[in-house]
């Protein structure tokens, strides 16, 4: 083999080696980026914002939160405005199912607006829940807390409604502001508004 050919092979090998090193560095950078984008253990995150405090709207955030936590997701449920009543120990026992404007209620709005219909609809739903051995709101709150769900009460809404931190179930995180909720949302894989 000539000196020129040997030199060309050496130069090609050096170029190839440099390219391989460059690609390996790129792969390493990408792996670090992916590792930084998720938790160290790859745990998924979910943030739910609960804004509604009716009996029927208490169930979706609690069911979704407890189910995700059972799958080892990090879950935060930020309760604000009427959704705060779900976490209020006394008010949560008296949540009503709203019959008016509910398209799935088997009655026209004119009948649903009759005084006492919300109480009747709530009693009927509670009876159905009991007959089907479905968890109550209190049981779902307890389950969520047991599974590590961070049930948060919006500080601004606590002040607006005139509530005290003591009004909420044990284990509820009070004093949380919108900025904290937004930060968790930004880091979450799933964000839901209920």
N, C-alpha and C. Protein backbone atom coordinates (compact mmCIF):
# COMPACT_ATOMS: atom_id res chain seq x y z
N UNK A 1 0.84 -1.16 0.00
CA UNK A 1 0.00 0.00 0.00
C UNK A 1 0.89 1.23 0.00
N UNK A 2 0.52 2.22 -0.76
CA UNK A 2 1.35 3.42 -0.88
C UNK A 2 1.18 4.30 0.35
N UNK A 3 2.09 5.22 0.51
CA UNK A 3 2.06 6.13 1.66
C UNK A 3 0.85 7.04 1.57
N UNK A 4 0.52 7.45 0.31
CA UNK A 4 -0.65 8.32 0.13
C UNK A 4 -1.93 7.61 0.53
N UNK A 5 -2.07 6.33 0.15
CA UNK A 5 -3.26 5.55 0.47
C UNK A 5 -3.33 5.32 1.97
N UNK A 6 -2.21 5.03 2.58
CA UNK A 6 -2.16 4.79 4.03
C UNK A 6 -2.53 6.07 4.79
N UNK A 7 -2.06 7.18 4.29
CA UNK A 7 -2.36 8.46 4.92
C UNK A 7 -3.85 8.78 4.77
N UNK A 8 -4.43 8.50 3.60
CA UNK A 8 -5.85 8.75 3.35
C UNK A 8 -6.72 7.88 4.26
N UNK A 9 -6.34 6.62 4.44
CA UNK A 9 -7.09 5.71 5.32
C UNK A 9 -7.03 6.23 6.75
N UNK A 10 -5.85 6.67 7.18
CA UNK A 10 -5.68 7.21 8.53
C UNK A 10 -6.53 8.45 8.73
N UNK A 11 -6.55 9.34 7.73
CA UNK A 11 -7.37 10.55 7.81
C UNK A 11 -8.85 10.20 7.85
N UNK A 12 -9.29 9.24 7.02
CA UNK A 12 -10.69 8.79 7.02
C UNK A 12 -11.06 8.18 8.37
N UNK A 13 -10.14 7.41 8.95
CA UNK A 13 -10.39 6.80 10.25
C UNK A 13 -10.49 7.88 11.33
N UNK A 14 -9.66 8.90 11.26
CA UNK A 14 -9.70 9.99 12.23
C UNK A 14 -11.01 10.77 12.11
N UNK A 15 -11.44 11.02 10.87
CA UNK A 15 -12.71 11.72 10.64
C UNK A 15 -13.87 10.88 11.19
N UNK A 16 -13.82 9.58 10.92
CA UNK A 16 -14.87 8.67 11.40
C UNK A 16 -14.88 8.62 12.93
N UNK A 17 -13.71 8.54 13.54
CA UNK A 17 -13.60 8.51 15.01
C UNK A 17 -14.19 9.81 15.60
N UNK A 18 -13.85 10.93 15.00
CA UNK A 18 -14.35 12.22 15.47
C UNK A 18 -15.87 12.29 15.37
N UNK A 19 -16.40 11.77 14.26
CA UNK A 19 -17.86 11.77 14.07
C UNK A 19 -18.55 10.87 15.09
N UNK A 20 -17.97 9.70 15.37
CA UNK A 20 -18.53 8.78 16.37
C UNK A 20 -18.54 9.46 17.74
N UNK A 21 -17.45 10.11 18.10
CA UNK A 21 -17.37 10.81 19.38
C UNK A 21 -18.42 11.92 19.47
N UNK A 22 -18.62 12.63 18.35
CA UNK A 22 -19.62 13.69 18.29
C UNK A 22 -21.02 13.10 18.49
N UNK A 23 -21.32 12.00 17.83
CA UNK A 23 -22.62 11.35 17.97
C UNK A 23 -22.84 10.81 19.38
N UNK A 24 -21.80 10.23 19.97
CA UNK A 24 -21.91 9.74 21.34
C UNK A 24 -22.20 10.88 22.31
N UNK A 25 -21.57 12.03 22.10
CA UNK A 25 -21.81 13.21 22.94
C UNK A 25 -23.25 13.69 22.78
N UNK A 26 -23.75 13.67 21.53
CA UNK A 26 -25.13 14.08 21.27
C UNK A 26 -26.11 13.15 21.97
N UNK A 27 -25.87 11.84 21.90
CA UNK A 27 -26.73 10.86 22.55
C UNK A 27 -26.72 11.07 24.07
N UNK A 28 -25.55 11.32 24.61
CA UNK A 28 -25.44 11.55 26.05
C UNK A 28 -26.23 12.79 26.46
N UNK A 29 -26.14 13.86 25.67
CA UNK A 29 -26.88 15.09 25.95
C UNK A 29 -28.38 14.83 25.89
N UNK A 30 -28.83 14.08 24.90
CA UNK A 30 -30.25 13.75 24.78
C UNK A 30 -30.72 12.92 25.97
N UNK A 31 -29.93 11.97 26.39
CA UNK A 31 -30.30 11.14 27.55
C UNK A 31 -30.41 11.99 28.80
N UNK A 32 -29.49 12.94 28.98
CA UNK A 32 -29.55 13.83 30.14
C UNK A 32 -30.79 14.72 30.08
N UNK A 33 -31.14 15.19 28.89
CA UNK A 33 -32.33 16.02 28.73
C UNK A 33 -33.58 15.25 29.09
N UNK A 34 -33.70 14.02 28.62
CA UNK A 34 -34.86 13.19 28.93
C UNK A 34 -34.91 12.91 30.43
N UNK A 35 -33.78 12.61 31.04
CA UNK A 35 -33.74 12.33 32.48
C UNK A 35 -34.15 13.57 33.28
N UNK A 36 -33.78 14.75 32.83
CA UNK A 36 -34.14 15.98 33.51
C UNK A 36 -35.62 16.29 33.34
N UNK A 37 -36.20 15.94 32.20
CA UNK A 37 -37.59 16.24 31.91
C UNK A 37 -38.55 15.44 32.78
N UNK A 38 -38.13 14.28 33.25
CA UNK A 38 -38.98 13.47 34.12
C UNK A 38 -38.30 13.37 35.48
N UNK A 39 -39.05 12.88 36.45
CA UNK A 39 -38.45 12.65 37.76
C UNK A 39 -37.35 11.61 37.63
N UNK A 40 -36.52 11.55 38.65
CA UNK A 40 -35.43 10.58 38.64
C UNK A 40 -35.94 9.16 38.44
N UNK A 41 -37.12 8.88 39.00
CA UNK A 41 -37.66 7.52 38.89
C UNK A 41 -38.65 7.38 37.73
N UNK A 42 -38.81 8.43 36.93
CA UNK A 42 -39.71 8.36 35.78
C UNK A 42 -41.18 8.45 36.15
N UNK A 43 -41.48 8.86 37.38
CA UNK A 43 -42.85 8.93 37.86
C UNK A 43 -43.65 9.98 37.08
N UNK A 44 -44.84 9.60 36.65
CA UNK A 44 -45.71 10.54 35.94
C UNK A 44 -46.36 11.48 36.93
N UNK A 45 -46.72 12.67 36.45
CA UNK A 45 -47.35 13.68 37.29
C UNK A 45 -48.68 14.10 36.69
N UNK A 46 -49.65 14.34 37.58
CA UNK A 46 -50.96 14.82 37.16
C UNK A 46 -51.38 15.97 38.06
N UNK A 47 -51.94 17.01 37.46
CA UNK A 47 -52.55 18.10 38.22
C UNK A 47 -53.99 18.23 37.77
N UNK A 48 -54.88 18.26 38.76
CA UNK A 48 -56.30 18.46 38.50
C UNK A 48 -56.72 19.74 39.22
N UNK A 49 -57.44 20.60 38.52
CA UNK A 49 -57.99 21.80 39.14
C UNK A 49 -59.49 21.57 39.30
N UNK A 50 -59.95 21.53 40.56
CA UNK A 50 -61.37 21.29 40.85
C UNK A 50 -62.02 22.63 41.18
N UNK A 51 -62.97 23.04 40.34
CA UNK A 51 -63.61 24.35 40.51
C UNK A 51 -65.09 24.25 40.86
N UNK A 52 -65.64 23.05 40.84
CA UNK A 52 -67.07 22.88 41.05
C UNK A 52 -67.31 22.13 42.36
N UNK A 53 -68.30 22.56 43.12
CA UNK A 53 -68.54 21.96 44.42
C UNK A 53 -69.89 21.28 44.55
N UNK A 54 -70.45 20.81 43.46
CA UNK A 54 -71.70 20.07 43.57
C UNK A 54 -71.40 18.60 43.86
N UNK A 55 -72.40 17.89 44.34
CA UNK A 55 -72.24 16.49 44.71
C UNK A 55 -71.67 15.66 43.55
N UNK A 56 -72.26 15.83 42.37
CA UNK A 56 -71.82 15.04 41.23
C UNK A 56 -70.44 15.44 40.72
N UNK A 57 -70.04 16.70 40.94
CA UNK A 57 -68.73 17.15 40.46
C UNK A 57 -67.61 16.91 41.48
N UNK A 58 -67.95 16.41 42.66
CA UNK A 58 -66.92 16.04 43.63
C UNK A 58 -66.27 14.71 43.23
N UNK A 59 -67.01 13.87 42.54
CA UNK A 59 -66.51 12.54 42.20
C UNK A 59 -65.39 12.51 41.14
N UNK A 60 -65.53 13.20 40.00
CA UNK A 60 -64.49 13.07 38.97
C UNK A 60 -63.06 13.38 39.43
N UNK A 61 -62.80 14.50 40.11
CA UNK A 61 -61.40 14.74 40.48
C UNK A 61 -60.88 13.72 41.49
N UNK A 62 -61.74 13.28 42.41
CA UNK A 62 -61.30 12.32 43.43
C UNK A 62 -61.08 10.92 42.84
N UNK A 63 -61.94 10.52 41.92
CA UNK A 63 -61.77 9.20 41.29
C UNK A 63 -60.51 9.20 40.41
N UNK A 64 -60.35 10.24 39.60
CA UNK A 64 -59.16 10.32 38.73
C UNK A 64 -57.88 10.39 39.56
N UNK A 65 -57.90 11.19 40.62
CA UNK A 65 -56.71 11.36 41.46
C UNK A 65 -56.33 10.06 42.16
N UNK A 66 -57.30 9.40 42.77
CA UNK A 66 -56.98 8.17 43.50
C UNK A 66 -56.56 7.06 42.54
N UNK A 67 -57.15 7.01 41.37
CA UNK A 67 -56.75 5.99 40.39
C UNK A 67 -55.33 6.23 39.90
N UNK A 68 -55.00 7.47 39.57
CA UNK A 68 -53.64 7.78 39.12
C UNK A 68 -52.62 7.49 40.23
N UNK A 69 -52.97 7.84 41.46
CA UNK A 69 -52.06 7.59 42.58
C UNK A 69 -51.87 6.09 42.80
N UNK A 70 -52.91 5.31 42.56
CA UNK A 70 -52.80 3.85 42.68
C UNK A 70 -51.82 3.29 41.65
N UNK A 71 -51.66 4.00 40.54
CA UNK A 71 -50.68 3.62 39.51
C UNK A 71 -49.34 4.31 39.74
N UNK A 72 -49.15 4.84 40.95
CA UNK A 72 -47.89 5.45 41.38
C UNK A 72 -47.58 6.77 40.67
N UNK A 73 -48.60 7.51 40.30
CA UNK A 73 -48.41 8.85 39.76
C UNK A 73 -48.33 9.83 40.92
N UNK A 74 -47.60 10.91 40.73
CA UNK A 74 -47.63 12.02 41.68
C UNK A 74 -48.82 12.89 41.29
N UNK A 75 -49.77 13.06 42.23
CA UNK A 75 -51.02 13.74 41.89
C UNK A 75 -51.28 14.90 42.85
N UNK A 76 -51.64 16.04 42.27
CA UNK A 76 -52.08 17.21 43.01
C UNK A 76 -53.48 17.56 42.51
N UNK A 77 -54.41 17.80 43.46
CA UNK A 77 -55.72 18.32 43.10
C UNK A 77 -55.85 19.67 43.78
N UNK A 78 -55.86 20.72 42.97
CA UNK A 78 -55.95 22.09 43.46
C UNK A 78 -57.43 22.49 43.45
N UNK A 79 -58.00 22.68 44.65
CA UNK A 79 -59.42 23.03 44.81
C UNK A 79 -59.55 24.53 44.97
N UNK A 80 -60.34 25.14 44.10
CA UNK A 80 -60.53 26.58 44.15
C UNK A 80 -62.01 26.92 43.95
N UNK A 81 -62.40 28.07 44.38
CA UNK A 81 -63.79 28.54 44.38
C UNK A 81 -64.71 27.46 44.91
N UNK A 82 -65.79 27.11 44.23
CA UNK A 82 -66.76 26.17 44.82
C UNK A 82 -66.17 24.77 44.99
N UNK A 83 -65.13 24.46 44.27
CA UNK A 83 -64.47 23.17 44.44
C UNK A 83 -63.86 23.00 45.82
N UNK A 84 -63.62 24.12 46.49
CA UNK A 84 -63.07 24.08 47.85
C UNK A 84 -64.02 23.39 48.83
N UNK A 85 -65.33 23.46 48.55
CA UNK A 85 -66.31 22.83 49.45
C UNK A 85 -66.14 21.31 49.52
N UNK A 86 -65.54 20.71 48.52
CA UNK A 86 -65.29 19.27 48.54
C UNK A 86 -64.37 18.91 49.70
N UNK A 87 -63.44 19.77 50.03
CA UNK A 87 -62.46 19.52 51.08
C UNK A 87 -62.89 20.06 52.44
N UNK A 88 -63.94 20.86 52.45
CA UNK A 88 -64.45 21.45 53.71
C UNK A 88 -65.20 20.36 54.45
N UNK A 89 -64.75 20.06 55.65
CA UNK A 89 -65.27 18.90 56.38
C UNK A 89 -66.79 18.94 56.57
N UNK A 90 -67.34 20.07 56.89
CA UNK A 90 -68.80 20.17 57.10
C UNK A 90 -69.56 20.31 55.78
N UNK A 91 -69.10 21.21 54.91
CA UNK A 91 -69.81 21.46 53.66
C UNK A 91 -69.82 20.25 52.74
N UNK A 92 -68.76 19.43 52.77
CA UNK A 92 -68.71 18.27 51.88
C UNK A 92 -69.79 17.24 52.22
N UNK A 93 -70.28 17.27 53.44
CA UNK A 93 -71.34 16.33 53.86
C UNK A 93 -72.70 16.74 53.32
N UNK A 94 -72.81 17.99 52.85
CA UNK A 94 -74.10 18.52 52.40
C UNK A 94 -74.08 18.98 50.94
N UNK A 95 -73.15 18.48 50.14
CA UNK A 95 -73.11 18.86 48.73
C UNK A 95 -74.38 18.37 48.04
N UNK A 96 -74.88 19.16 47.12
CA UNK A 96 -76.11 18.82 46.40
C UNK A 96 -75.81 18.57 44.93
N UNK A 97 -76.58 17.70 44.34
CA UNK A 97 -76.52 17.47 42.90
C UNK A 97 -77.41 18.52 42.25
N UNK A 98 -76.88 19.28 41.33
CA UNK A 98 -77.65 20.33 40.68
C UNK A 98 -78.47 19.75 39.54
N UNK A 99 -79.79 19.85 39.67
CA UNK A 99 -80.69 19.31 38.64
C UNK A 99 -80.88 20.30 37.48
N UNK A 100 -80.81 21.59 37.76
CA UNK A 100 -81.05 22.60 36.72
C UNK A 100 -79.84 22.69 35.80
N UNK A 101 -80.09 22.68 34.50
CA UNK A 101 -79.04 22.84 33.52
C UNK A 101 -78.19 21.60 33.31
N UNK A 102 -78.56 20.51 33.93
CA UNK A 102 -77.82 19.27 33.77
C UNK A 102 -78.47 18.48 32.63
N UNK A 103 -77.83 18.38 31.47
CA UNK A 103 -78.46 17.75 30.31
C UNK A 103 -78.74 16.26 30.50
N UNK A 104 -78.15 15.64 31.50
CA UNK A 104 -78.38 14.21 31.72
C UNK A 104 -79.47 13.92 32.73
N UNK A 105 -80.04 14.96 33.32
CA UNK A 105 -81.15 14.74 34.25
C UNK A 105 -82.39 14.38 33.45
N UNK A 106 -83.11 13.35 33.89
CA UNK A 106 -84.28 12.90 33.13
C UNK A 106 -85.52 13.75 33.39
N UNK A 107 -85.34 15.08 33.43
CA UNK A 107 -86.47 15.98 33.62
C UNK A 107 -86.16 17.32 32.97
N UNK A 108 -87.19 18.01 32.51
CA UNK A 108 -86.96 19.34 31.92
C UNK A 108 -86.53 20.34 32.99
N UNK A 109 -85.83 21.39 32.56
CA UNK A 109 -85.35 22.42 33.50
C UNK A 109 -86.48 23.06 34.30
N UNK A 110 -87.66 23.19 33.71
CA UNK A 110 -88.78 23.81 34.42
C UNK A 110 -89.14 23.00 35.67
N UNK A 111 -89.06 21.70 35.57
CA UNK A 111 -89.35 20.84 36.73
C UNK A 111 -88.13 20.80 37.66
N UNK A 112 -86.95 20.76 37.08
CA UNK A 112 -85.71 20.71 37.87
C UNK A 112 -85.56 21.96 38.73
N UNK A 113 -86.15 23.09 38.30
CA UNK A 113 -86.05 24.35 39.04
C UNK A 113 -87.03 24.43 40.21
N UNK A 114 -87.93 23.49 40.31
CA UNK A 114 -88.89 23.50 41.42
C UNK A 114 -88.12 23.35 42.74
N UNK A 115 -88.46 24.16 43.74
CA UNK A 115 -87.75 24.06 45.02
C UNK A 115 -87.78 22.61 45.56
N UNK A 116 -86.63 22.19 46.03
CA UNK A 116 -86.51 20.84 46.60
C UNK A 116 -86.03 19.78 45.63
N UNK A 117 -85.98 20.11 44.32
CA UNK A 117 -85.56 19.10 43.34
C UNK A 117 -84.09 18.74 43.48
N UNK A 118 -83.23 19.71 43.83
CA UNK A 118 -81.82 19.39 44.04
C UNK A 118 -81.65 18.40 45.19
N UNK A 119 -82.42 18.62 46.27
CA UNK A 119 -82.34 17.70 47.42
C UNK A 119 -82.86 16.32 47.04
N UNK A 120 -83.95 16.28 46.27
CA UNK A 120 -84.50 14.99 45.84
C UNK A 120 -83.52 14.26 44.93
N UNK A 121 -82.96 14.99 43.97
CA UNK A 121 -81.99 14.38 43.04
C UNK A 121 -80.76 13.88 43.80
N UNK A 122 -80.32 14.64 44.80
CA UNK A 122 -79.17 14.23 45.61
C UNK A 122 -79.48 12.97 46.40
N UNK A 123 -80.66 12.92 47.03
CA UNK A 123 -81.05 11.72 47.79
C UNK A 123 -81.11 10.50 46.88
N UNK A 124 -81.66 10.69 45.68
CA UNK A 124 -81.76 9.56 44.74
C UNK A 124 -80.37 9.07 44.33
N UNK A 125 -79.44 9.99 44.08
CA UNK A 125 -78.09 9.61 43.69
C UNK A 125 -77.37 8.94 44.85
N UNK A 126 -77.52 9.46 46.06
CA UNK A 126 -76.89 8.85 47.23
C UNK A 126 -77.41 7.42 47.44
N UNK A 127 -78.72 7.23 47.21
CA UNK A 127 -79.31 5.89 47.33
C UNK A 127 -78.69 4.95 46.30
N UNK A 128 -78.54 5.43 45.08
CA UNK A 128 -77.93 4.61 44.02
C UNK A 128 -76.47 4.28 44.34
N UNK A 129 -75.75 5.25 44.87
CA UNK A 129 -74.35 5.03 45.27
C UNK A 129 -74.28 3.97 46.35
N UNK A 130 -75.18 4.06 47.33
CA UNK A 130 -75.20 3.09 48.43
C UNK A 130 -75.55 1.69 47.92
N UNK A 131 -76.55 1.60 47.06
CA UNK A 131 -76.97 0.29 46.51
C UNK A 131 -75.88 -0.37 45.68
N UNK A 132 -75.03 0.42 45.05
CA UNK A 132 -73.96 -0.11 44.20
C UNK A 132 -72.62 -0.22 44.92
N UNK A 133 -72.62 0.03 46.22
CA UNK A 133 -71.38 -0.02 47.00
C UNK A 133 -70.28 0.87 46.40
N UNK A 134 -70.69 2.01 45.87
CA UNK A 134 -69.74 2.98 45.35
C UNK A 134 -69.20 3.80 46.53
N UNK A 135 -67.96 4.18 46.48
CA UNK A 135 -67.35 4.95 47.56
C UNK A 135 -68.05 6.30 47.72
N UNK A 136 -68.14 6.74 48.96
CA UNK A 136 -68.69 8.07 49.24
C UNK A 136 -67.58 9.11 49.00
N UNK A 137 -67.98 10.37 49.04
CA UNK A 137 -67.01 11.45 48.87
C UNK A 137 -65.96 11.38 49.98
N UNK A 138 -66.42 11.19 51.22
CA UNK A 138 -65.48 11.09 52.35
C UNK A 138 -64.52 9.93 52.16
N UNK A 139 -65.02 8.78 51.70
CA UNK A 139 -64.15 7.62 51.48
C UNK A 139 -63.13 7.90 50.37
N UNK A 140 -63.54 8.61 49.33
CA UNK A 140 -62.61 8.95 48.24
C UNK A 140 -61.55 9.95 48.71
N UNK A 141 -61.95 10.87 49.57
CA UNK A 141 -60.97 11.81 50.13
C UNK A 141 -59.96 11.04 50.96
N UNK A 142 -60.45 10.17 51.85
CA UNK A 142 -59.55 9.36 52.69
C UNK A 142 -58.63 8.49 51.84
N UNK A 143 -59.20 7.84 50.83
CA UNK A 143 -58.39 6.99 49.95
C UNK A 143 -57.33 7.81 49.23
N UNK A 144 -57.73 8.95 48.70
CA UNK A 144 -56.78 9.82 47.98
C UNK A 144 -55.62 10.22 48.89
N UNK A 145 -55.94 10.64 50.11
CA UNK A 145 -54.90 11.05 51.05
C UNK A 145 -54.01 9.86 51.41
N UNK A 146 -54.62 8.69 51.63
CA UNK A 146 -53.85 7.48 51.96
C UNK A 146 -52.88 7.11 50.83
N UNK A 147 -53.29 7.37 49.57
CA UNK A 147 -52.45 7.04 48.42
C UNK A 147 -51.41 8.12 48.11
N UNK A 148 -51.42 9.19 48.89
CA UNK A 148 -50.41 10.23 48.71
C UNK A 148 -50.83 11.38 47.81
N UNK A 149 -52.11 11.45 47.44
CA UNK A 149 -52.58 12.58 46.63
C UNK A 149 -52.48 13.85 47.48
N UNK A 150 -51.95 14.91 46.89
CA UNK A 150 -51.87 16.19 47.57
C UNK A 150 -53.15 16.97 47.25
N UNK A 151 -54.10 16.94 48.19
CA UNK A 151 -55.35 17.69 48.04
C UNK A 151 -55.08 19.09 48.57
N UNK A 152 -55.10 20.07 47.66
CA UNK A 152 -54.72 21.44 48.01
C UNK A 152 -55.93 22.36 48.03
N UNK A 153 -55.94 23.27 49.02
CA UNK A 153 -56.99 24.27 49.15
C UNK A 153 -56.41 25.63 48.80
N UNK A 154 -57.02 26.28 47.84
CA UNK A 154 -56.56 27.60 47.36
C UNK A 154 -56.66 28.64 48.48
N UNK A 155 -55.55 29.28 48.81
CA UNK A 155 -55.51 30.25 49.91
C UNK A 155 -56.41 31.45 49.63
N UNK A 156 -56.40 31.95 48.40
CA UNK A 156 -57.24 33.09 48.09
C UNK A 156 -58.71 32.76 48.30
N UNK A 157 -59.12 31.55 47.90
CA UNK A 157 -60.52 31.16 48.06
C UNK A 157 -60.86 30.93 49.53
N UNK A 158 -59.91 30.39 50.31
CA UNK A 158 -60.14 30.23 51.75
C UNK A 158 -60.47 31.59 52.36
N UNK A 159 -59.68 32.59 52.00
CA UNK A 159 -59.90 33.94 52.53
C UNK A 159 -61.21 34.53 52.00
N UNK A 160 -61.47 34.34 50.71
CA UNK A 160 -62.68 34.87 50.08
C UNK A 160 -63.95 34.31 50.73
N UNK A 161 -63.93 33.01 51.02
CA UNK A 161 -65.11 32.35 51.59
C UNK A 161 -65.17 32.49 53.12
N UNK A 162 -64.12 33.04 53.71
CA UNK A 162 -64.11 33.21 55.17
C UNK A 162 -63.90 31.90 55.92
N UNK A 163 -63.21 30.95 55.30
CA UNK A 163 -62.93 29.66 55.95
C UNK A 163 -61.64 29.76 56.77
N UNK A 164 -61.48 28.80 57.66
CA UNK A 164 -60.24 28.66 58.42
C UNK A 164 -59.56 27.37 58.00
N UNK A 165 -58.24 27.28 58.20
CA UNK A 165 -57.50 26.06 57.87
C UNK A 165 -58.06 24.85 58.61
N UNK A 166 -58.61 25.07 59.79
CA UNK A 166 -59.16 23.98 60.60
C UNK A 166 -60.46 23.41 60.02
N UNK A 167 -61.07 24.10 59.06
CA UNK A 167 -62.34 23.65 58.48
C UNK A 167 -62.18 22.46 57.54
N UNK A 168 -60.94 22.14 57.16
CA UNK A 168 -60.70 21.13 56.15
C UNK A 168 -60.29 19.79 56.76
N UNK A 169 -60.47 18.75 55.97
CA UNK A 169 -60.08 17.41 56.42
C UNK A 169 -58.61 17.39 56.79
N UNK A 170 -58.28 16.56 57.79
CA UNK A 170 -56.88 16.37 58.15
C UNK A 170 -56.13 15.83 56.93
N UNK A 171 -54.99 16.39 56.67
CA UNK A 171 -54.18 15.94 55.53
C UNK A 171 -54.29 16.83 54.32
N UNK A 172 -55.29 17.73 54.30
CA UNK A 172 -55.45 18.67 53.19
C UNK A 172 -54.38 19.75 53.32
N UNK A 173 -53.74 20.10 52.22
CA UNK A 173 -52.72 21.16 52.21
C UNK A 173 -53.42 22.49 52.00
N UNK A 174 -53.31 23.37 53.00
CA UNK A 174 -53.93 24.69 52.90
C UNK A 174 -52.84 25.72 52.61
N UNK A 175 -53.27 26.92 52.25
CA UNK A 175 -52.32 28.00 52.02
C UNK A 175 -51.62 27.94 50.68
N UNK A 176 -52.19 27.23 49.73
CA UNK A 176 -51.55 27.08 48.42
C UNK A 176 -52.06 28.18 47.49
N UNK A 177 -51.13 28.84 46.83
CA UNK A 177 -51.49 29.89 45.89
C UNK A 177 -51.50 29.41 44.46
N UNK A 178 -52.01 30.25 43.58
CA UNK A 178 -52.10 29.90 42.16
C UNK A 178 -50.72 29.68 41.55
N UNK A 179 -49.71 30.41 42.00
CA UNK A 179 -48.36 30.25 41.45
C UNK A 179 -47.83 28.84 41.70
N UNK A 180 -48.08 28.32 42.90
CA UNK A 180 -47.65 26.95 43.23
C UNK A 180 -48.39 25.95 42.35
N UNK A 181 -49.70 26.16 42.19
CA UNK A 181 -50.49 25.27 41.34
C UNK A 181 -49.99 25.30 39.90
N UNK A 182 -49.70 26.49 39.40
CA UNK A 182 -49.20 26.62 38.02
C UNK A 182 -47.87 25.92 37.84
N UNK A 183 -47.00 26.01 38.84
CA UNK A 183 -45.69 25.35 38.75
C UNK A 183 -45.87 23.85 38.62
N UNK A 184 -46.78 23.26 39.42
CA UNK A 184 -46.99 21.81 39.33
C UNK A 184 -47.62 21.46 37.98
N UNK A 185 -48.53 22.30 37.50
CA UNK A 185 -49.13 22.05 36.19
C UNK A 185 -48.06 22.03 35.10
N UNK A 186 -47.14 22.98 35.18
CA UNK A 186 -46.09 23.07 34.16
C UNK A 186 -45.21 21.83 34.15
N UNK A 187 -45.07 21.17 35.29
CA UNK A 187 -44.24 19.99 35.40
C UNK A 187 -45.01 18.69 35.17
N UNK A 188 -46.32 18.79 35.01
CA UNK A 188 -47.16 17.59 34.92
C UNK A 188 -47.28 17.04 33.51
N UNK A 189 -47.47 15.72 33.46
CA UNK A 189 -47.73 15.05 32.20
C UNK A 189 -49.18 15.23 31.78
N UNK A 190 -50.07 15.34 32.78
CA UNK A 190 -51.50 15.48 32.53
C UNK A 190 -52.03 16.62 33.40
N UNK A 191 -52.78 17.54 32.77
CA UNK A 191 -53.43 18.62 33.49
C UNK A 191 -54.90 18.58 33.13
N UNK A 192 -55.76 18.63 34.16
CA UNK A 192 -57.20 18.58 33.93
C UNK A 192 -57.90 19.68 34.69
N UNK A 193 -58.93 20.27 34.09
CA UNK A 193 -59.78 21.25 34.75
C UNK A 193 -61.15 20.61 34.90
N UNK A 194 -61.59 20.45 36.14
CA UNK A 194 -62.89 19.81 36.39
C UNK A 194 -63.79 20.80 37.09
